[in-house]
Every structure is written in structure tokens, then in C-alpha cells.
């Protein structure tokens, strides 16, 4: 596996030799001094260009970076049709040696904002000198306002009834889709606010809250981890009710911290239990 030094030399060296590339920016975890280092960290690279048609008319130019195991070009992928961008084009490349480069060609616009996790690796025109040192400012947990808190609570309890309906009907794809979708996302948001309270809102939980285990007390993490340990209908019921218990416990603390109303919907709790009990009675 090529070292970080080798990869950055290749990335910056390629730009130096190509007059179309005016600057090189490094984003993401490799620009973050606080990020844990491991073999799976990718290189989030932005090549600043004035146009990218000369690059995209023949994609073989990226072969220079190494032997590609698999590549995705999301701006050409019909799955991402609604996300296509007029000023950027990305090459997501996994190499056979284990390295990965997520390389974006970008034409600057007046509406651009600079990600706080940005390190300037090359600046041919001297226009990126004012970029601040890379930091996590854009990624730390933000304090909720009352509207965000209540929306999160409402979404959690509302969609929990969908999970119950799917389980009662024995429609596992529907039940699991709502369980792992809106219900889990709402729970993760509440857990993030809890972590924020206990870290003075200075913590970055990372993509998909991947660092959550590092910041939750052991007892809360063990509860949360158990919500993933289910596969059949009964276990999914157990997981749903455990999610409700955890959401209520953590949500009450967040509510007290900000003087918000309680997020616990006791009538929904009773309803979920009634649906599960009626299901057992009918079997």
C-alpha cells in the first residue's frame, strides 16, 4: 500500500504538471488533525480548474493515479440525477493497493463556501492564501432550538407507529425500512445533542455518527448497540421498544438542559405496547 507521502506527492505532482489545474485542496479526515489515522482514510481532493470538459471527454487520464479496483463517477450516474452539479465533476476511485481518492474537479463560483476542513496543497495563482488552518468548526454538534427539538421528537414517535404497523402485518421490509430510516436517524440526532451537552458542543461525531461510541457512557452505548441486534419479528419489537426507552431517557436530559417540553409521548408508548400485545394474542 502506498504511503500518505507517496499519494500526496502523486496528487500534487500531477497538478503541477498540468496547467489546467490551478490549485489543489485537501478536505475531510486527512485534513483533520484530530481524526484517527487508519488504512481506510481516503484522500478527499479538489482540483480547482477553469473547465472540466477537457478532462471528462476521456476519463483515462485518472489511470495515472494507480490500478483502479472500482470507480464511480456520480455526476454521470443516473442514480444521482437530481444531485448533478454544473460546476463540479467527481471521480471516486478505489485502488487495488487499498488507497482511495475522491477527486473533484471544481470551477470556482461566487457562491462557493470553504469547508472548515480544508488544507491548501497547491496554489498556482496565489488566491487561496486566506484559507484558515483546517479545523472542525463546520462539523461540531450544534445546539438545537425548540423547533428542531420538537420536530425530532415528533418524527421519532410518529414513524415508530409505522414500524409497529409493519411488524403487526409481518411486513419486514417495511418495518425495517422505517426502523433503520427515520426512527434511527431521530434517535441518533437526540444522542448527538446529549453528547453535545456533555462536551460543551465541541465534538465532531463524524460521518453517520461513526464516533458515537467514543462519547457515550458505556451503559448508554450498550443500550444503543443492542438496537442493532435483531433480525426476526420479536427481536425487532424488542429493538423498537429499546429505542423508545433510550430516546426518552436521553431526550429528557436534553429537554431539561434547554428548558424544552418533555419529548416523551406516553400515549404512543401505550399504543405500541397495545399493538405488540394484540399481535401476540392473535398468534
Protein backbone atom coordinates (compact mmCIF):
# COMPACT_ATOMS: atom_id res chain seq x y z
CA UNK A 1 0.00 0.00 0.00
CA UNK A 2 1.44 3.38 -0.99
CA UNK A 3 2.17 5.73 1.90
CA UNK A 4 0.46 9.06 2.53
CA UNK A 5 3.64 10.82 1.42
CA UNK A 6 3.66 8.91 -1.86
CA UNK A 7 -0.02 9.57 -2.52
CA UNK A 8 0.18 13.29 -1.83
CA UNK A 9 3.30 13.58 -3.96
CA UNK A 10 1.40 11.90 -6.79
CA UNK A 11 -1.70 14.07 -6.36
CA UNK A 12 0.18 17.37 -6.12
CA UNK A 13 2.77 16.36 -8.72
CA UNK A 14 0.04 15.59 -11.25
CA UNK A 15 -1.42 19.07 -10.70
CA UNK A 16 1.94 20.79 -11.01
CA UNK A 17 2.47 19.23 -14.42
CA UNK A 18 -0.98 20.14 -15.73
CA UNK A 19 -1.57 23.81 -16.46
CA UNK A 20 -5.35 23.28 -16.43
CA UNK A 21 -5.22 22.61 -12.68
CA UNK A 22 -4.78 25.87 -10.77
CA UNK A 23 -4.94 24.70 -7.15
CA UNK A 24 -5.20 21.54 -5.05
CA UNK A 25 -7.29 21.37 -1.86
CA UNK A 26 -7.39 18.54 0.66
CA UNK A 27 -10.65 18.05 2.56
CA UNK A 28 -12.02 15.54 5.03
CA UNK A 29 -10.34 13.41 7.65
CA UNK A 30 -6.81 13.70 6.24
CA UNK A 31 -7.07 17.47 6.72
CA UNK A 32 -8.34 16.96 10.27
CA UNK A 33 -5.58 16.86 12.89
CA UNK A 34 -7.99 15.21 15.34
CA UNK A 35 -9.06 12.34 13.08
CA UNK A 36 -7.92 8.81 13.81
CA UNK A 37 -5.46 7.54 11.24
CA UNK A 38 -6.01 4.17 9.59
CA UNK A 39 -5.65 2.40 6.24
CA UNK A 40 -9.20 3.23 5.12
CA UNK A 41 -8.90 7.03 5.19
CA UNK A 42 -9.45 8.30 1.69
CA UNK A 43 -7.94 11.35 0.04
CA UNK A 44 -10.68 13.94 -0.47
CA UNK A 45 -9.10 16.09 -3.15
CA UNK A 46 -10.38 19.11 -5.07
CA UNK A 47 -8.63 20.17 -8.26
CA UNK A 48 -9.52 23.81 -8.98
CA UNK A 49 -9.95 24.23 -12.74
CA UNK A 50 -11.42 26.71 -15.20
CA UNK A 51 -13.25 23.99 -17.13
CA UNK A 52 -13.52 20.23 -16.91
CA UNK A 53 -14.77 19.16 -20.35
CA UNK A 54 -11.20 18.54 -21.49
CA UNK A 55 -10.86 16.10 -18.57
CA UNK A 56 -14.21 14.36 -18.89
CA UNK A 57 -14.07 13.74 -22.64
CA UNK A 58 -11.54 10.98 -21.94
CA UNK A 59 -11.62 9.56 -18.44
CA UNK A 60 -8.45 7.52 -18.91
CA UNK A 61 -6.35 10.41 -17.52
CA UNK A 62 -7.11 9.18 -13.99
CA UNK A 63 -5.33 5.87 -14.69
CA UNK A 64 -2.18 7.81 -13.82
CA UNK A 65 -3.12 7.57 -10.13
CA UNK A 66 -2.80 3.78 -9.99
CA UNK A 67 -4.51 0.50 -10.78
CA UNK A 68 -8.21 1.04 -10.16
CA UNK A 69 -10.23 -1.68 -8.45
CA UNK A 70 -13.53 0.11 -8.95
CA UNK A 71 -14.54 3.67 -9.78
CA UNK A 72 -17.72 5.70 -9.61
CA UNK A 73 -18.45 8.94 -11.43
CA UNK A 74 -21.57 10.14 -9.58
CA UNK A 75 -22.08 13.12 -11.90
CA UNK A 76 -22.67 10.66 -14.75
CA UNK A 77 -24.64 8.14 -12.68
CA UNK A 78 -28.40 8.08 -13.21
CA UNK A 79 -28.88 7.21 -9.52
CA UNK A 80 -27.68 10.72 -8.68
CA UNK A 81 -29.55 12.56 -11.41
CA UNK A 82 -31.06 15.10 -9.01
CA UNK A 83 -27.66 15.85 -7.46
CA UNK A 84 -25.80 16.63 -10.66
CA UNK A 85 -23.68 19.77 -10.48
CA UNK A 86 -22.85 22.25 -13.20
CA UNK A 87 -19.54 23.40 -11.70
CA UNK A 88 -18.11 20.12 -10.37
CA UNK A 89 -17.31 16.63 -11.58
CA UNK A 90 -16.15 13.82 -9.29
CA UNK A 91 -14.08 10.67 -9.71
CA UNK A 92 -14.37 8.27 -6.76
CA UNK A 93 -11.51 5.78 -7.13
CA UNK A 94 -10.67 2.70 -5.06
CA UNK A 95 -7.24 1.35 -5.96
CA UNK A 96 -6.04 -2.24 -5.79
CA UNK A 97 -3.37 -1.33 -3.23
CA UNK A 98 -6.04 -0.22 -0.73
CA UNK A 99 -5.78 3.53 -1.24
CA UNK A 100 -8.78 5.61 -2.30
CA UNK A 101 -9.02 9.06 -3.85
CA UNK A 102 -12.26 11.02 -4.06
CA UNK A 103 -11.22 13.60 -6.63
CA UNK A 104 -13.46 16.50 -7.59
CA UNK A 105 -12.83 18.88 -10.46
CA UNK A 106 -14.32 22.20 -9.45
CA UNK A 107 -14.84 25.51 -11.22
CA UNK A 108 -14.99 28.25 -8.54
CA UNK A 109 -18.13 30.38 -8.31
CA UNK A 110 -19.12 33.40 -6.24
CA UNK A 111 -21.43 31.18 -4.18
CA UNK A 112 -18.66 28.86 -3.02
CA UNK A 113 -18.03 28.46 0.68
CA UNK A 114 -14.81 26.96 2.03
CA UNK A 115 -15.20 23.84 4.14
CA UNK A 116 -13.51 24.32 7.53
CA UNK A 117 -11.62 21.05 6.99
CA UNK A 118 -9.62 22.37 4.04
CA UNK A 119 -5.87 22.36 3.57
CA UNK A 120 -4.35 24.09 0.55
CA UNK A 121 -1.74 21.79 -1.02
CA UNK A 122 -1.02 23.86 -4.12
CA UNK A 123 -1.94 27.40 -5.16
CA UNK A 124 -0.52 28.40 -8.53
CA UNK A 125 -2.26 31.76 -8.66
CA UNK A 126 -1.91 32.81 -5.03
CA UNK A 127 -5.64 33.23 -4.45
CA UNK A 128 -6.11 30.69 -1.62
CA UNK A 129 -3.75 32.29 0.91
CA UNK A 130 -6.58 33.45 3.18
CA UNK A 131 -7.93 29.95 3.86
CA UNK A 132 -7.82 29.34 7.61
CA UNK A 133 -6.00 26.38 9.11
CA UNK A 134 -8.10 23.22 8.89
CA UNK A 135 -10.46 22.81 11.85
CA UNK A 136 -13.72 21.06 12.77
CA UNK A 137 -15.87 24.17 13.12
CA UNK A 138 -18.33 23.11 10.39
CA UNK A 139 -18.77 19.65 11.89
CA UNK A 140 -19.19 20.04 15.65
CA UNK A 141 -22.61 19.27 17.07
CA UNK A 142 -24.87 22.32 17.03
CA UNK A 143 -27.25 23.25 19.84
CA UNK A 144 -30.92 22.63 18.96
CA UNK A 145 -33.58 25.26 19.00
CA UNK A 146 -37.09 24.42 20.19
CA UNK A 147 -38.38 23.82 16.67
CA UNK A 148 -35.59 21.34 15.83
CA UNK A 149 -36.03 19.52 19.11
CA UNK A 150 -39.79 19.14 18.75
CA UNK A 151 -39.51 18.15 15.10
CA UNK A 152 -37.03 15.42 16.03
CA UNK A 153 -39.31 14.15 18.79
CA UNK A 154 -42.40 14.21 16.62
CA UNK A 155 -40.63 12.35 13.80
CA UNK A 156 -39.38 9.65 16.15
CA UNK A 157 -42.73 8.87 17.73
CA UNK A 158 -44.76 9.33 14.55
CA UNK A 159 -42.67 6.93 12.49
CA UNK A 160 -42.42 4.43 15.35
CA UNK A 161 -46.09 3.68 14.68
CA UNK A 162 -45.14 2.76 11.10
CA UNK A 163 -42.66 0.22 12.43
CA UNK A 164 -45.35 -1.26 14.67
CA UNK A 165 -47.75 -1.48 11.75
CA UNK A 166 -45.16 -3.27 9.62
CA UNK A 167 -44.36 -5.72 12.40
CA UNK A 168 -48.05 -6.44 13.10
CA UNK A 169 -48.65 -7.07 9.39
CA UNK A 170 -45.46 -9.17 9.22
CA UNK A 171 -44.06 -6.91 6.50
CA UNK A 172 -40.40 -6.98 7.45
CA UNK A 173 -39.03 -4.85 4.58
CA UNK A 174 -41.44 -2.04 5.51
CA UNK A 175 -40.84 -2.42 9.24
CA UNK A 176 -37.06 -2.47 8.89
CA UNK A 177 -37.05 0.40 6.41
CA UNK A 178 -38.84 2.71 8.84
CA UNK A 179 -36.90 1.34 11.83
CA UNK A 180 -33.48 1.93 10.29
CA UNK A 181 -34.58 5.08 8.48
CA UNK A 182 -36.44 7.92 10.24
CA UNK A 183 -36.65 6.27 13.68
CA UNK A 184 -32.92 5.58 13.96
CA UNK A 185 -31.99 8.94 12.45
CA UNK A 186 -34.12 10.75 15.02
CA UNK A 187 -32.58 8.72 17.83
CA UNK A 188 -29.06 9.46 16.57
CA UNK A 189 -29.89 13.17 16.49
CA UNK A 190 -31.08 13.11 20.10
CA UNK A 191 -27.97 11.17 21.13
CA UNK A 192 -25.83 13.75 19.33
CA UNK A 193 -27.41 16.57 21.34
CA UNK A 194 -26.78 14.57 24.50
CA UNK A 195 -23.10 14.24 23.56
CA UNK A 196 -23.05 17.96 22.77
CA UNK A 197 -24.28 18.83 26.25
CA UNK A 198 -21.55 16.73 27.83
CA UNK A 199 -18.79 18.11 25.60
CA UNK A 200 -19.74 21.79 25.53
CA UNK A 201 -20.73 21.27 21.88
CA UNK A 202 -17.12 20.89 20.80
CA UNK A 203 -17.35 17.34 19.42
CA UNK A 204 -17.47 16.12 15.83
CA UNK A 205 -19.22 12.74 15.65
CA UNK A 206 -18.09 12.16 12.07
CA UNK A 207 -19.98 10.89 9.06
CA UNK A 208 -23.08 8.89 10.07
CA UNK A 209 -22.18 9.49 13.75
CA UNK A 210 -19.38 6.92 13.43
CA UNK A 211 -17.62 8.16 16.59
CA UNK A 212 -20.72 7.91 18.78
CA UNK A 213 -19.34 5.01 20.83
CA UNK A 214 -16.33 7.14 21.82
CA UNK A 215 -18.53 9.76 23.52
CA UNK A 216 -21.47 7.90 25.06
CA UNK A 217 -21.30 6.46 28.58
CA UNK A 218 -20.86 2.69 28.47
CA UNK A 219 -24.39 1.95 29.67
CA UNK A 220 -25.99 4.14 27.02
CA UNK A 221 -23.75 2.77 24.27
CA UNK A 222 -24.61 -0.81 25.25
CA UNK A 223 -28.31 0.03 25.04
CA UNK A 224 -27.86 1.67 21.67
CA UNK A 225 -25.70 -1.16 20.33
CA UNK A 226 -28.43 -3.67 21.26
CA UNK A 227 -30.87 -1.88 18.93
CA UNK A 228 -28.84 -3.37 16.06
CA UNK A 229 -29.01 -6.94 17.38
CA UNK A 230 -32.24 -8.09 15.81
CA UNK A 231 -33.36 -9.99 12.76
CA UNK A 232 -36.75 -11.61 13.35
CA UNK A 233 -40.08 -10.01 14.27
CA UNK A 234 -39.83 -10.44 18.03
CA UNK A 235 -36.28 -9.13 18.15
CA UNK A 236 -37.28 -6.12 16.05
CA UNK A 237 -40.09 -5.39 18.51
CA UNK A 238 -37.54 -5.57 21.33
CA UNK A 239 -35.28 -3.20 19.41
CA UNK A 240 -38.06 -0.72 18.75
CA UNK A 241 -39.10 -0.55 22.40
CA UNK A 242 -35.47 -0.24 23.45
CA UNK A 243 -35.11 2.68 21.03
CA UNK A 244 -38.15 4.30 22.64
CA UNK A 245 -36.67 3.80 26.10
CA UNK A 246 -33.33 5.27 25.06
CA UNK A 247 -34.91 8.19 23.20
CA UNK A 248 -37.00 9.01 26.28
CA UNK A 249 -34.07 8.76 28.71
CA UNK A 250 -31.71 10.90 26.67
CA UNK A 251 -34.40 13.23 25.38
CA UNK A 252 -35.50 14.12 28.90
CA UNK A 253 -31.96 15.23 29.76
CA UNK A 254 -31.69 17.32 26.60
CA UNK A 255 -35.08 18.89 27.34
CA UNK A 256 -34.01 19.80 30.88
CA UNK A 257 -30.77 21.34 29.62
CA UNK A 258 -32.59 23.74 27.29
CA UNK A 259 -35.84 24.09 29.23
CA UNK A 260 -37.80 22.38 26.45
CA UNK A 261 -41.01 20.37 26.94
CA UNK A 262 -40.62 16.65 27.57
CA UNK A 263 -40.13 14.65 24.36
CA UNK A 264 -41.85 11.55 25.77
CA UNK A 265 -45.13 10.63 24.10
CA UNK A 266 -46.61 8.30 26.73
CA UNK A 267 -49.76 7.67 24.69
CA UNK A 268 -47.66 6.47 21.77
CA UNK A 269 -45.73 4.22 24.18
CA UNK A 270 -49.05 2.68 25.27
CA UNK A 271 -50.17 2.33 21.66
CA UNK A 272 -47.00 0.48 20.65
CA UNK A 273 -47.39 -1.92 23.57
CA UNK A 274 -51.05 -2.49 22.70
CA UNK A 275 -50.18 -3.29 19.08
CA UNK A 276 -47.50 -5.76 20.16
CA UNK A 277 -49.80 -7.39 22.74
CA UNK A 278 -52.65 -7.68 20.23
CA UNK A 279 -50.26 -9.35 17.81
CA UNK A 280 -49.27 -11.94 20.42
CA UNK A 281 -52.93 -12.58 21.21
CA UNK A 282 -53.72 -13.24 17.55
CA UNK A 283 -50.94 -15.82 17.09
